């Protein structure tokens, strides 16, 4: 289980600014000049989540708040990391820390749903590789639970289709050839994403 002490966060304050650490966290510095400024966070862009995807993120935020938090409508940095994983994102912990600081606009070391939704499109812009990969990971996890034993190469096209990114005919042929070689071997999703998710940037 991820703990605050396990997050190697290293956000240095500006010269002359005293670091403010979250209790129990090593090496996290709150950049007060960012969270107290009236200027918009540099992570807040013009990208917007599609309504269907926005609903998914809202549901998962509330799920994490209920199951891993205290149900107060705001997440700590640990709970935020858990949320990103459940949403299907795989970001370096340093990036998670930076995103959390920018989301925490009132400087209380917790992020609300509105703060989360304002920044997540900039972390994974719609139709970027990270955005697509996150959708596929969520579909993979749902399928994996249903099959109770992982996803095979033969089953992978169904996962891609359920995530809204069906494989092309050429990709299906390549996958079929691979499945004949490996039989019922379970698919390594992260390796498959490197092959089947187009590189569109972050």
Protein backbone atom coordinates (compact mmCIF):
# COMPACT_ATOMS: atom_id res chain seq x y z
CA UNK A 1 0.00 0.00 0.00
CA UNK A 2 1.36 3.41 -0.92
CA UNK A 3 2.24 5.65 1.98
CA UNK A 4 3.32 9.26 2.03
CA UNK A 5 6.80 8.22 3.04
CA UNK A 6 7.01 6.11 -0.14
CA UNK A 7 6.50 9.14 -2.41
CA UNK A 8 9.90 10.51 -3.44
CA UNK A 9 8.63 14.02 -3.97
CA UNK A 10 11.13 16.83 -4.42
CA UNK A 11 9.49 20.14 -5.20
CA UNK A 12 11.94 22.81 -4.10
CA UNK A 13 10.62 26.17 -2.90
CA UNK A 14 11.71 29.43 -4.41
CA UNK A 15 14.83 31.08 -2.98
CA UNK A 16 14.09 32.49 0.47
CA UNK A 17 10.85 30.55 0.81
CA UNK A 18 10.55 28.18 3.74
CA UNK A 19 9.40 24.66 2.82
CA UNK A 20 6.14 23.41 4.26
CA UNK A 21 5.88 19.65 4.40
CA UNK A 22 2.82 17.50 4.74
CA UNK A 23 2.96 15.76 8.12
CA UNK A 24 4.59 12.37 7.69
CA UNK A 25 5.93 13.17 4.23
CA UNK A 26 9.61 13.48 3.41
CA UNK A 27 10.87 16.01 0.91
CA UNK A 28 7.61 17.68 -0.12
CA UNK A 29 7.70 21.47 -0.28
CA UNK A 30 4.58 23.52 -0.73
CA UNK A 31 5.06 26.26 -3.29
CA UNK A 32 2.96 28.91 -1.59
CA UNK A 33 3.45 31.48 -4.32
CA UNK A 34 1.72 29.12 -6.76
CA UNK A 35 -1.30 28.08 -4.76
CA UNK A 36 -2.04 31.52 -3.37
CA UNK A 37 -1.67 33.38 -6.65
CA UNK A 38 -4.70 34.64 -8.54
CA UNK A 39 -3.04 33.55 -11.77
CA UNK A 40 -4.29 30.27 -13.24
CA UNK A 41 -2.16 27.20 -12.68
CA UNK A 42 0.13 26.40 -15.61
CA UNK A 43 -1.37 22.91 -15.58
CA UNK A 44 -4.83 24.25 -16.33
CA UNK A 45 -5.20 24.25 -20.09
CA UNK A 46 -7.95 24.64 -22.61
CA UNK A 47 -8.51 20.91 -22.94
CA UNK A 48 -11.81 19.65 -21.63
CA UNK A 49 -12.87 16.12 -20.87
CA UNK A 50 -15.74 14.70 -22.90
CA UNK A 51 -18.87 14.55 -20.75
CA UNK A 52 -18.87 10.75 -20.66
CA UNK A 53 -15.25 10.68 -19.54
CA UNK A 54 -15.88 13.46 -17.02
CA UNK A 55 -18.60 11.33 -15.43
CA UNK A 56 -16.14 8.44 -15.13
CA UNK A 57 -13.63 10.64 -13.32
CA UNK A 58 -16.31 12.02 -11.01
CA UNK A 59 -17.50 8.54 -10.09
CA UNK A 60 -13.95 7.33 -9.45
CA UNK A 61 -13.11 10.40 -7.37
CA UNK A 62 -16.13 9.78 -5.15
CA UNK A 63 -15.28 6.08 -4.96
CA UNK A 64 -11.74 6.79 -3.74
CA UNK A 65 -13.02 9.41 -1.28
CA UNK A 66 -15.48 6.89 0.15
CA UNK A 67 -13.31 3.78 0.18
CA UNK A 68 -9.87 5.20 0.91
CA UNK A 69 -10.60 8.64 2.37
CA UNK A 70 -12.97 9.90 5.02
CA UNK A 71 -15.80 10.94 2.72
CA UNK A 72 -15.20 14.66 3.18
CA UNK A 73 -15.16 15.38 -0.55
CA UNK A 74 -11.42 16.05 -0.70
CA UNK A 75 -8.38 13.81 -1.26
CA UNK A 76 -4.94 13.77 0.33
CA UNK A 77 -1.88 13.21 -1.83
CA UNK A 78 -1.96 9.47 -1.05
CA UNK A 79 -5.60 9.24 -2.06
CA UNK A 80 -4.87 11.30 -5.17
CA UNK A 81 -2.19 8.84 -6.24
CA UNK A 82 -4.63 5.98 -5.68
CA UNK A 83 -7.21 7.82 -7.79
CA UNK A 84 -4.80 8.25 -10.69
CA UNK A 85 -3.97 4.54 -10.64
CA UNK A 86 -7.65 3.56 -10.60
CA UNK A 87 -8.30 6.03 -13.43
CA UNK A 88 -5.67 4.19 -15.45
CA UNK A 89 -2.86 6.74 -15.34
CA UNK A 90 0.76 5.79 -14.78
CA UNK A 91 2.66 8.95 -13.95
CA UNK A 92 6.03 9.39 -12.22
CA UNK A 93 5.55 10.23 -8.56
CA UNK A 94 7.39 13.51 -9.02
CA UNK A 95 4.77 14.50 -11.61
CA UNK A 96 2.00 13.39 -9.25
CA UNK A 97 3.42 15.66 -6.55
CA UNK A 98 3.71 18.61 -8.92
CA UNK A 99 0.15 18.10 -10.14
CA UNK A 100 -1.14 17.87 -6.57
CA UNK A 101 0.51 21.16 -5.60
CA UNK A 102 -1.02 22.93 -8.57
CA UNK A 103 -4.44 21.41 -7.92
CA UNK A 104 -4.39 22.40 -4.25
CA UNK A 105 -5.38 25.99 -4.96
CA UNK A 106 -6.32 26.84 -1.37
CA UNK A 107 -3.17 25.34 0.12
CA UNK A 108 -4.86 22.96 2.57
CA UNK A 109 -3.03 19.85 1.30
CA UNK A 110 -6.24 18.35 -0.03
CA UNK A 111 -7.86 18.55 -3.44
CA UNK A 112 -11.56 18.80 -4.14
CA UNK A 113 -13.43 17.34 -7.09
CA UNK A 114 -13.52 20.72 -8.83
CA UNK A 115 -9.77 21.18 -8.36
CA UNK A 116 -9.17 17.71 -9.77
CA UNK A 117 -11.39 18.18 -12.81
CA UNK A 118 -9.76 21.53 -13.59
CA UNK A 119 -6.30 20.02 -14.00
CA UNK A 120 -6.71 16.40 -15.13
CA UNK A 121 -7.33 17.35 -18.79
CA UNK A 122 -3.91 19.02 -18.83
CA UNK A 123 -2.23 15.95 -17.32
CA UNK A 124 -3.77 13.70 -19.96
CA UNK A 125 -5.24 15.78 -22.80
CA UNK A 126 -8.12 14.07 -24.63
CA UNK A 127 -6.85 11.80 -27.44
CA UNK A 128 -3.26 11.93 -26.18
CA UNK A 129 -1.39 8.66 -25.71
CA UNK A 130 -1.74 8.89 -21.91
CA UNK A 131 -5.47 9.57 -22.19
CA UNK A 132 -6.03 6.60 -24.53
CA UNK A 133 -3.82 4.30 -22.47
CA UNK A 134 -5.75 5.20 -19.30
CA UNK A 135 -9.06 4.27 -20.95
CA UNK A 136 -7.61 0.95 -22.13
CA UNK A 137 -6.20 0.16 -18.67
CA UNK A 138 -9.63 0.75 -17.12
CA UNK A 139 -11.28 -1.52 -19.69
CA UNK A 140 -8.54 -4.11 -19.15
CA UNK A 141 -9.12 -4.09 -15.39
CA UNK A 142 -12.87 -4.55 -15.83
CA UNK A 143 -12.32 -7.43 -18.25
CA UNK A 144 -9.67 -8.93 -16.00
CA UNK A 145 -12.08 -9.02 -13.08
CA UNK A 146 -14.75 -10.69 -15.21
CA UNK A 147 -12.39 -13.39 -16.48
CA UNK A 148 -10.71 -13.80 -13.08
CA UNK A 149 -7.46 -14.84 -14.69
CA UNK A 150 -6.06 -12.16 -16.92
CA UNK A 151 -6.57 -11.31 -20.56
CA UNK A 152 -5.21 -13.43 -23.40
CA UNK A 153 -4.05 -12.23 -26.80
CA UNK A 154 -7.31 -13.50 -28.29
CA UNK A 155 -9.35 -11.48 -25.81
CA UNK A 156 -7.38 -8.26 -26.23
CA UNK A 157 -9.34 -6.97 -29.28
CA UNK A 158 -12.51 -7.01 -27.16
CA UNK A 159 -10.76 -4.94 -24.50
CA UNK A 160 -9.62 -2.39 -27.07
CA UNK A 161 -13.10 -2.17 -28.56
CA UNK A 162 -14.72 -1.69 -25.15
CA UNK A 163 -12.30 1.20 -24.53
CA UNK A 164 -13.44 2.84 -27.75
CA UNK A 165 -10.24 2.11 -29.65
CA UNK A 166 -10.80 -0.99 -31.80
CA UNK A 167 -7.80 -2.48 -33.55
CA UNK A 168 -7.35 -2.03 -37.28
CA UNK A 169 -7.50 -4.99 -39.63
CA UNK A 170 -3.72 -5.05 -39.89
CA UNK A 171 -3.35 -4.94 -36.11
CA UNK A 172 -5.89 -7.75 -35.74
CA UNK A 173 -3.94 -9.89 -38.21
CA UNK A 174 -0.68 -9.24 -36.36
CA UNK A 175 -2.31 -10.02 -33.03
CA UNK A 176 -3.85 -13.20 -34.40
CA UNK A 177 -0.43 -14.34 -35.60
CA UNK A 178 1.05 -13.66 -32.17
CA UNK A 179 -1.80 -15.46 -30.42
CA UNK A 180 -1.16 -18.57 -32.50
CA UNK A 181 2.43 -18.58 -31.28
CA UNK A 182 1.68 -18.04 -27.59
CA UNK A 183 -1.63 -19.90 -27.30
CA UNK A 184 -3.55 -18.92 -24.16
CA UNK A 185 -0.68 -16.95 -22.68
CA UNK A 186 -1.79 -13.88 -20.78
CA UNK A 187 -1.14 -10.51 -22.32
CA UNK A 188 1.34 -8.04 -20.84
CA UNK A 189 -0.81 -4.93 -21.10
CA UNK A 190 1.95 -2.35 -20.77
CA UNK A 191 3.93 -3.95 -23.58
CA UNK A 192 0.78 -4.12 -25.70
CA UNK A 193 0.08 -0.43 -25.10
CA UNK A 194 3.53 0.43 -26.46
CA UNK A 195 2.59 -1.33 -29.68
CA UNK A 196 -1.08 -0.55 -30.12
CA UNK A 197 -1.49 2.94 -28.68
CA UNK A 198 -0.44 5.69 -31.11
CA UNK A 199 2.21 8.06 -29.85
CA UNK A 200 0.40 11.37 -29.72
CA UNK A 201 2.37 13.01 -26.97
CA UNK A 202 1.33 13.46 -23.34
